[in-house]
Protein backbone atom coordinates (compact mmCIF):
# COMPACT_ATOMS: atom_id res chain seq x y z
CA THR A 1 85.83 38.60 -39.49
CA TYR A 2 86.63 42.30 -39.32
CA GLY A 3 88.53 44.30 -41.90
CA SER A 4 88.09 46.04 -45.20
CA VAL A 5 85.67 45.17 -47.98
CA ALA A 6 88.62 43.62 -49.84
CA ASP A 7 89.36 41.46 -46.77
CA GLN A 8 85.73 40.33 -46.68
CA ARG A 9 85.76 39.45 -50.38
CA LYS A 10 88.95 37.41 -49.95
CA TYR A 11 87.46 35.63 -46.94
CA ILE A 12 84.26 34.79 -48.83
CA LEU A 13 86.17 33.37 -51.78
CA ASN A 14 88.31 31.19 -49.52
CA ALA A 15 85.35 30.07 -47.40
CA ARG A 16 83.15 28.80 -50.24
CA ALA A 17 84.55 25.27 -49.89
CA ASP A 18 83.69 25.13 -46.18
CA LYS A 19 80.35 23.31 -45.84
CA SER A 20 79.99 24.33 -42.20
CA GLN A 21 79.02 27.83 -43.31
CA THR A 22 77.13 29.59 -46.05
CA PHE A 23 76.70 33.12 -47.29
CA TRP A 24 73.35 34.60 -48.29
CA VAL A 25 72.89 37.67 -50.42
CA VAL A 26 70.28 39.94 -48.87
CA SER A 27 67.75 41.86 -50.94
CA GLY A 28 65.02 44.28 -49.97
CA ALA A 29 61.34 43.29 -49.89
CA GLU A 30 60.26 45.85 -52.49
CA ASP A 31 63.34 45.82 -54.69
CA THR A 32 65.23 42.57 -55.25
CA SER A 33 68.56 44.35 -55.79
CA PRO A 34 71.29 43.04 -53.45
CA VAL A 35 71.71 45.21 -50.36
CA GLY A 36 73.86 43.01 -48.16
CA VAL A 37 75.28 39.67 -47.18
CA VAL A 38 75.00 37.49 -44.08
CA ARG A 39 77.12 34.51 -43.08
CA TRP A 40 75.60 31.54 -41.25
CA THR A 41 78.09 29.30 -39.46
CA HIS A 42 78.29 26.02 -37.53
CA LEU A 43 75.81 24.41 -39.92
CA ASP A 44 77.51 21.06 -39.31
CA ASP A 45 76.90 21.23 -35.52
CA SER A 46 73.60 19.66 -34.48
CA GLU A 47 73.67 21.51 -31.15
CA ARG A 48 73.80 25.05 -32.47
CA MET A 49 74.04 27.43 -35.38
CA GLY A 50 76.10 30.59 -35.60
CA TRP A 51 75.96 33.78 -37.60
CA GLU A 52 78.47 36.46 -38.40
CA SER A 53 79.12 39.32 -40.77
CA LEU A 54 75.72 40.84 -41.38
CA ILE A 55 76.70 43.67 -43.71
CA VAL A 56 74.21 45.94 -45.46
CA VAL A 57 74.77 48.97 -47.67
CA PRO A 58 74.02 52.37 -46.12
CA ILE A 59 71.05 52.93 -48.48
CA ALA A 60 69.32 49.66 -47.52
CA PRO A 61 65.80 50.02 -46.12
CA PRO A 62 65.95 50.09 -42.29
CA ALA A 63 63.84 46.93 -41.98
CA VAL A 64 66.35 44.82 -43.91
CA GLY A 65 68.61 44.27 -40.89
CA ILE A 66 65.67 43.37 -38.67
CA ASP A 67 64.30 40.95 -41.26
CA VAL A 68 67.68 39.23 -41.68
CA MET A 69 67.97 38.83 -37.91
CA VAL A 70 64.47 37.35 -37.54
CA THR A 71 64.94 35.13 -40.61
CA THR A 72 68.22 33.84 -39.15
CA TYR A 73 66.50 32.98 -35.87
CA ASN A 74 63.59 31.36 -37.72
CA TYR A 75 65.92 29.22 -39.81
CA CYS A 76 67.93 28.09 -36.79
CA PHE A 77 65.00 27.10 -34.59
CA ARG A 78 62.07 26.29 -36.88
CA VAL A 79 63.87 24.87 -39.92
CA LEU A 80 67.02 23.28 -38.47
CA GLY A 81 65.55 22.59 -35.03
CA ARG A 82 68.71 23.65 -33.20
CA PRO A 83 68.56 24.43 -29.48
CA LEU A 84 70.98 27.40 -29.65
CA LEU A 85 71.99 30.22 -31.96
CA GLY A 86 75.38 31.62 -31.06
CA PRO A 87 77.20 32.78 -29.18
CA TRP A 88 78.43 35.71 -31.28
CA ARG A 89 80.35 38.79 -30.31
CA VAL A 90 79.35 42.43 -30.41
CA PRO A 91 82.01 45.05 -29.62
CA TYR A 92 81.30 47.42 -26.74
CA GLU A 93 81.44 50.37 -29.13
CA ASN A 94 78.67 48.95 -31.34
CA VAL A 95 75.90 50.42 -29.19
CA ARG A 96 73.44 50.44 -32.12
CA MET A 97 73.63 46.65 -32.42
CA GLN A 98 73.34 46.23 -28.66
CA ALA A 99 70.23 48.44 -28.72
CA ALA A 100 68.76 46.46 -31.62
CA HIS A 101 69.18 43.18 -29.75
CA ALA A 102 67.61 44.66 -26.61
CA ARG A 103 64.67 46.15 -28.57
CA MET A 104 63.94 42.93 -30.47
CA GLY A 105 64.01 40.71 -27.38
CA PHE A 106 65.44 37.51 -28.90
CA ALA A 107 69.15 37.69 -28.03
CA LYS A 108 70.60 38.06 -24.57
CA ILE A 109 74.11 38.75 -23.31
CA VAL A 110 75.65 35.47 -22.18
CA ASP A 111 79.18 36.74 -21.51
CA ASP A 112 80.84 40.10 -20.92
CA GLN A 113 84.59 40.29 -21.57
CA PRO A 114 85.96 43.71 -20.57
CA ALA A 115 89.53 42.68 -21.44
CA THR A 116 88.55 42.23 -25.11
CA GLY A 117 85.80 44.86 -25.18
CA MET A 118 83.27 42.27 -26.34
CA LEU A 119 79.80 41.24 -25.31
CA TRP A 120 78.74 37.75 -26.34
CA TYR A 121 75.11 37.19 -27.31
CA ALA A 122 73.04 34.07 -27.90
CA VAL A 123 69.44 33.03 -28.50
CA THR A 124 67.97 29.87 -27.03
CA GLU A 125 65.04 28.02 -28.49
CA GLU A 126 62.91 29.09 -25.52
CA TRP A 127 63.77 32.78 -25.92
CA PHE A 128 63.03 32.52 -29.65
CA HIS A 129 59.57 31.01 -29.14
CA ASP A 130 58.70 33.65 -26.52
CA VAL A 131 59.22 36.48 -29.03
CA TRP A 132 58.64 34.85 -32.45
CA PRO A 133 54.84 35.45 -32.61
CA LYS A 134 55.29 39.22 -32.25
CA TRP A 135 57.80 39.49 -35.10
CA SER A 136 56.21 36.94 -37.45
CA ALA A 137 52.87 38.75 -37.12
CA ARG A 138 54.63 41.88 -38.40
CA GLY A 139 55.79 39.95 -41.48
CA TYR A 140 59.44 39.45 -40.49
CA GLY A 141 61.40 36.24 -40.84
CA LYS A 142 59.60 34.65 -43.76
CA ILE A 143 61.46 31.87 -45.50
CA ASN A 144 60.39 31.34 -49.09
């Protein structure tokens, strides 16, 4: 869901009753002050999980986004046991997110839609397990 902060707040308030998704408040490792929110979707679908709307404040530690991504993958594959995370869209102009996905190695482009200016990414269970040891050894993706 794109739009203003007010649009996001309205969406969150309306979505609370929907059990197929949940919102998590994100805090930093050192300081437990809230620095963002992430939305996990398709929780009622045994074949996949989705995620949307990872939003962090500009002053959040750089590792927060990486940790949320790895935690999301960990939850999908190791906790829920789902075979697929996604697909989710990343606009062509969001080159920073495309670079992050490429650098981390979990997510791959599964569809390219020039007409909409969107790349669609996903992570399979196999791709996750290929890369998980590297990121978990660095302390990312812990679920308390």
